[in-house]
Protein backbone atom coordinates (compact mmCIF):
# COMPACT_ATOMS: atom_id res chain seq x y z
CA MET A 1 -16.52 -5.30 12.79
CA LYS A 2 -14.30 -2.81 14.81
CA GLY A 3 -11.01 -2.14 12.99
CA LEU A 4 -7.97 -0.07 12.40
CA ALA A 5 -6.18 0.57 8.97
CA LEU A 6 -2.90 2.42 8.33
CA ASP A 7 -0.84 3.07 5.35
CA THR A 8 2.44 4.42 6.07
CA SER A 9 4.12 3.03 2.95
CA ILE A 10 4.04 6.75 1.13
CA THR A 11 4.85 10.21 2.40
CA LYS A 12 1.13 10.79 2.62
CA ILE A 13 0.08 8.38 5.51
CA SER A 14 -3.50 7.53 6.28
CA ILE A 15 -4.89 6.25 9.09
CA ALA A 16 -8.52 5.23 9.59
CA ALA A 17 -10.84 3.57 12.24
CA LYS A 18 -13.89 1.37 11.38
CA ASN A 19 -16.91 1.29 13.97
CA ASP A 20 -19.07 -1.33 12.23
CA ASP A 21 -21.11 0.51 9.67
CA HIS A 22 -19.08 3.93 9.83
CA SER A 23 -15.48 4.93 9.77
CA VAL A 24 -13.24 7.72 10.31
CA THR A 25 -10.13 8.63 7.98
CA ALA A 26 -7.35 11.16 8.38
CA SER A 27 -4.50 11.69 5.92
CA TYR A 28 -1.39 13.82 6.42
CA ASP A 29 0.94 14.69 3.57
CA ILE A 30 3.77 16.06 5.97
CA GLY A 31 6.78 14.63 4.77
CA MET A 32 9.23 13.64 7.33
CA LYS A 33 6.83 14.52 10.28
CA GLN A 34 5.38 11.31 10.07
CA SER A 35 6.75 9.88 13.51
CA GLU A 36 5.43 12.84 15.70
CA THR A 37 2.01 12.59 14.01
CA LEU A 38 1.12 8.92 13.70
CA LEU A 39 0.11 8.19 17.25
CA PRO A 40 -1.66 11.25 17.99
CA ALA A 41 -3.55 10.57 14.67
CA ILE A 42 -4.53 7.09 15.56
CA SER A 43 -5.89 8.32 19.03
CA TYR A 44 -7.93 11.04 17.11
CA VAL A 45 -9.63 8.65 14.50
CA LEU A 46 -10.37 6.15 17.24
CA GLU A 47 -12.16 8.92 19.34
CA LYS A 48 -13.95 10.38 16.32
CA ALA A 49 -15.27 6.71 15.53
CA GLY A 50 -16.27 6.35 19.25
CA MET A 51 -13.77 3.47 19.82
CA THR A 52 -10.90 2.78 22.35
CA ALA A 53 -7.93 0.98 21.40
CA ALA A 54 -8.88 -2.13 23.55
CA GLU A 55 -12.12 -2.50 21.42
CA ILE A 56 -10.07 -2.73 18.24
CA GLU A 57 -10.63 -6.56 16.75
CA TYR A 58 -8.08 -6.23 13.86
CA THR A 59 -5.70 -4.13 12.63
CA ALA A 60 -4.98 -3.80 8.74
CA ILE A 61 -1.58 -2.36 7.30
CA CYS A 62 0.06 -1.73 4.12
CA GLN A 63 2.94 -4.14 4.59
CA GLY A 64 4.94 -2.72 1.64
CA PRO A 65 6.54 -1.97 -0.75
CA GLY A 66 7.01 1.53 0.14
CA SER A 67 9.32 4.02 2.26
CA PHE A 68 11.64 1.91 4.42
CA THR A 69 11.23 4.43 7.33
CA GLY A 70 7.34 5.04 6.98
CA LEU A 71 6.86 0.91 6.79
CA ARG A 72 9.07 0.61 9.91
CA LEU A 73 7.08 3.38 11.61
CA GLY A 74 3.67 1.81 10.85
CA TYR A 75 4.73 -1.63 11.89
CA ALA A 76 5.86 -0.32 15.28
CA ALA A 77 2.71 1.48 15.98
CA VAL A 78 0.62 -1.60 15.31
CA LYS A 79 2.85 -3.90 17.12
CA ALA A 80 2.39 -1.64 20.15
CA LEU A 81 -1.39 -1.48 19.77
CA GLU A 82 -1.68 -5.32 19.40
CA CYS A 83 -0.07 -5.52 22.96
CA ALA A 84 -3.06 -3.15 24.15
CA SER A 85 -5.83 -4.55 22.09
CA LYS A 86 -4.66 -8.12 21.48
CA ALA A 87 -6.05 -7.71 18.06
CA PRO A 88 -4.46 -9.60 15.30
CA ILE A 89 -2.74 -7.61 12.38
CA TYR A 90 -3.37 -8.36 8.88
CA GLY A 91 -0.61 -7.26 6.38
CA ILE A 92 -1.75 -6.57 2.99
CA SER A 93 0.33 -5.54 -0.20
CA THR A 94 0.56 -1.87 -0.59
CA LEU A 95 0.19 -2.42 -4.48
CA LYS A 96 -2.70 -4.70 -4.30
CA ALA A 97 -4.71 -2.17 -1.78
CA ASN A 98 -4.03 0.63 -4.32
CA ALA A 99 -5.27 -1.82 -7.30
CA TYR A 100 -8.36 -3.06 -5.29
CA PRO A 101 -10.82 -0.46 -6.23
CA TYR A 102 -10.60 -1.06 -9.90
CA ASN A 103 -10.39 -4.89 -10.06
CA THR A 104 -14.02 -5.02 -11.28
CA MET A 105 -13.60 -2.47 -14.10
CA GLY A 106 -12.81 -5.32 -16.95
CA LYS A 107 -9.57 -3.51 -17.72
CA PRO A 108 -5.82 -4.39 -16.63
CA VAL A 109 -4.83 -2.24 -13.38
CA LEU A 110 -1.26 -1.36 -13.05
CA ALA A 111 -0.30 -0.29 -9.37
CA LEU A 112 2.84 1.51 -8.76
CA ILE A 113 4.91 3.40 -6.32
CA ASP A 114 7.99 5.78 -7.24
CA ALA A 115 10.85 3.61 -5.86
CA LYS A 116 13.17 6.57 -6.75
CA LYS A 117 16.46 5.77 -8.58
CA ASP A 118 14.65 5.38 -12.02
CA ARG A 119 12.76 2.40 -10.77
CA PHE A 120 9.04 1.81 -9.82
CA TYR A 121 7.53 -0.89 -7.28
CA ALA A 122 4.90 -2.20 -9.62
CA GLY A 123 2.29 -5.01 -10.15
CA ALA A 124 -0.28 -5.69 -12.51
CA TRP A 125 -3.67 -7.62 -12.59
CA LEU A 126 -6.74 -8.18 -14.74
CA ASN A 127 -9.72 -9.25 -12.84
CA GLU A 128 -7.36 -9.93 -9.81
CA LYS A 129 -5.49 -12.52 -11.93
CA GLU A 130 -1.54 -11.49 -11.94
CA LEU A 131 -0.31 -10.07 -15.32
CA PHE A 132 3.25 -9.73 -13.84
CA PRO A 133 4.57 -10.01 -10.33
CA GLU A 134 5.04 -7.18 -7.86
CA GLY A 135 8.63 -6.13 -8.10
CA ASP A 136 11.23 -3.39 -7.82
CA TYR A 137 11.67 -2.37 -11.63
CA PRO A 138 13.79 -0.04 -13.48
CA TYR A 139 12.04 2.02 -16.13
CA GLU A 140 13.13 -0.32 -19.08
CA LYS A 141 12.04 -3.51 -17.71
CA LEU A 142 8.66 -2.12 -16.50
CA ALA A 143 8.16 -0.79 -19.87
CA GLU A 144 9.23 -4.05 -21.68
CA LEU A 145 6.61 -5.94 -19.18
CA ILE A 146 3.80 -3.41 -20.35
CA ASN A 147 4.77 -3.64 -24.07
CA ASN A 148 4.59 -7.57 -23.75
CA SER A 149 1.36 -7.56 -22.26
CA CYS A 150 -0.17 -6.38 -25.35
CA GLU A 151 -2.81 -4.52 -23.43
CA LYS A 152 -4.30 -1.39 -25.04
CA GLU A 153 -5.74 0.14 -22.07
CA ILE A 154 -4.41 0.24 -18.64
CA ILE A 155 -5.69 1.87 -15.45
CA LEU A 156 -3.10 3.25 -13.14
CA ALA A 157 -3.33 2.94 -9.51
CA GLY A 158 -1.12 4.65 -6.86
CA PRO A 159 -0.26 8.04 -5.56
CA VAL A 160 -1.40 10.71 -7.92
CA GLY A 161 2.12 12.09 -8.27
CA ASP A 162 3.74 8.82 -8.74
CA CYS A 163 1.48 8.26 -11.64
CA LYS A 164 2.60 11.66 -13.12
CA VAL A 165 6.16 10.50 -12.54
CA PHE A 166 5.41 7.22 -14.57
CA LEU A 167 3.74 8.93 -17.51
CA GLU A 168 6.61 11.36 -18.04
CA ALA A 169 9.31 8.48 -17.64
CA MET A 170 7.44 6.04 -19.95
CA SER A 171 6.44 8.40 -22.68
CA SER A 172 9.21 7.49 -24.94
CA LEU A 173 9.48 3.70 -23.94
CA ILE A 174 5.99 2.41 -24.22
CA ASN A 175 4.01 2.11 -27.60
CA ASP A 176 0.22 2.12 -28.45
CA VAL A 177 -0.98 1.90 -24.94
CA THR A 178 -3.49 4.28 -23.21
CA PHE A 179 -3.22 4.93 -19.48
CA ILE A 180 -6.29 6.09 -17.55
CA SER A 181 -5.27 7.84 -14.52
CA PRO A 182 -7.93 8.93 -12.28
CA CYS A 183 -7.06 12.50 -10.76
CA VAL A 184 -8.65 11.56 -7.50
CA LYS A 185 -7.85 8.26 -5.70
CA PRO A 186 -9.77 6.17 -3.41
CA ALA A 187 -8.80 6.09 0.25
CA VAL A 188 -6.37 3.06 0.24
CA THR A 189 -7.63 2.34 3.90
CA ASP A 190 -11.17 1.44 2.61
CA SER A 191 -9.53 -1.26 0.60
CA LEU A 192 -7.46 -2.28 3.67
CA PHE A 193 -10.63 -2.82 5.76
CA ILE A 194 -12.41 -4.97 3.14
CA LEU A 195 -9.38 -6.97 2.35
CA ALA A 196 -8.41 -7.58 6.03
CA GLU A 197 -12.10 -8.54 6.54
CA GLU A 198 -11.89 -11.08 3.59
CA MET A 199 -8.95 -12.47 4.99
CA ILE A 200 -10.86 -12.99 8.47
CA SER A 201 -13.71 -14.40 6.83
CA ASN A 202 -11.47 -16.89 4.96
CA LYS A 203 -9.66 -17.83 8.03
CA LEU A 204 -6.39 -16.64 6.61
CA PRO A 205 -3.68 -16.16 9.28
CA PRO A 206 -2.58 -12.74 10.64
CA LEU A 207 0.89 -11.60 10.73
CA GLN A 208 3.10 -13.41 13.18
CA GLU A 209 5.27 -11.66 15.81
CA TYR A 210 8.42 -12.05 13.63
CA ASP A 211 6.83 -10.75 10.35
CA GLY A 212 8.18 -7.37 9.15
CA PRO A 213 7.50 -5.39 6.06
CA VAL A 214 7.93 -6.29 2.52
CA TYR A 215 10.57 -3.97 1.11
CA LEU A 216 11.13 -5.77 -2.33
CA ARG A 217 14.40 -3.87 -2.45
CA ALA A 218 17.46 -4.53 -0.43
CA SER A 219 18.51 -1.61 1.90
CA GLU A 220 21.76 0.46 1.24
CA ALA A 221 23.46 -1.56 4.20
CA GLU A 222 22.36 -4.82 2.56
CA GLU A 223 23.53 -3.95 -0.75
CA ASN A 224 26.97 -2.93 0.55
CA ILE A 225 27.28 -6.39 2.37
CA SER A 226 26.47 -8.35 -0.83
CA LYS A 227 29.34 -6.14 -2.70
CA THR A 228 31.93 -7.02 0.03
CA LYS A 229 31.15 -10.95 -0.45
């Protein structure tokens, strides 16, 4: 199949085009320059993969959690492409996409993203069975969930820098657990292609026109509104 995959949920954005049996991936760790880079990057990977936008059969995107700005940017780009290609968009949890490469290793996998403000977006699975749900967890609550899981070894999935922040933050909160943190992480876009094509094979619905990012956390504006009620 011919697909396009985007992860704009973190600072290091990744874009990939898959032309049947081969793919082209580009990653950019450029901070706030995402908006001026994303569309040229999409054009670049499509050209290198020998594809045009009109040939895309599906698009896969990390739907969140992650950066508010990055997720909105990614959704805007794929919605615009949908108008040109008519290709359905499949939204996949950022955490599940990061955890996917480790699902067959027989050990629990903790996928996490640094959510700042002493919190992590996190979810945990063992052989694809949920150990605790995806959420926006303060350090102490996440440590409690991990301690209560009674697991002795846990694989960390997610950005390398975020895993380092996690290990530092949890050093005094978690007991008798060994964390396995690969120093090189697989490309999330590879997982997006596999998971999206599984959804297509299983006839699961793509995103609808009204669907948007999954933030897991209220925006500052939403928090301010709730405080005034």
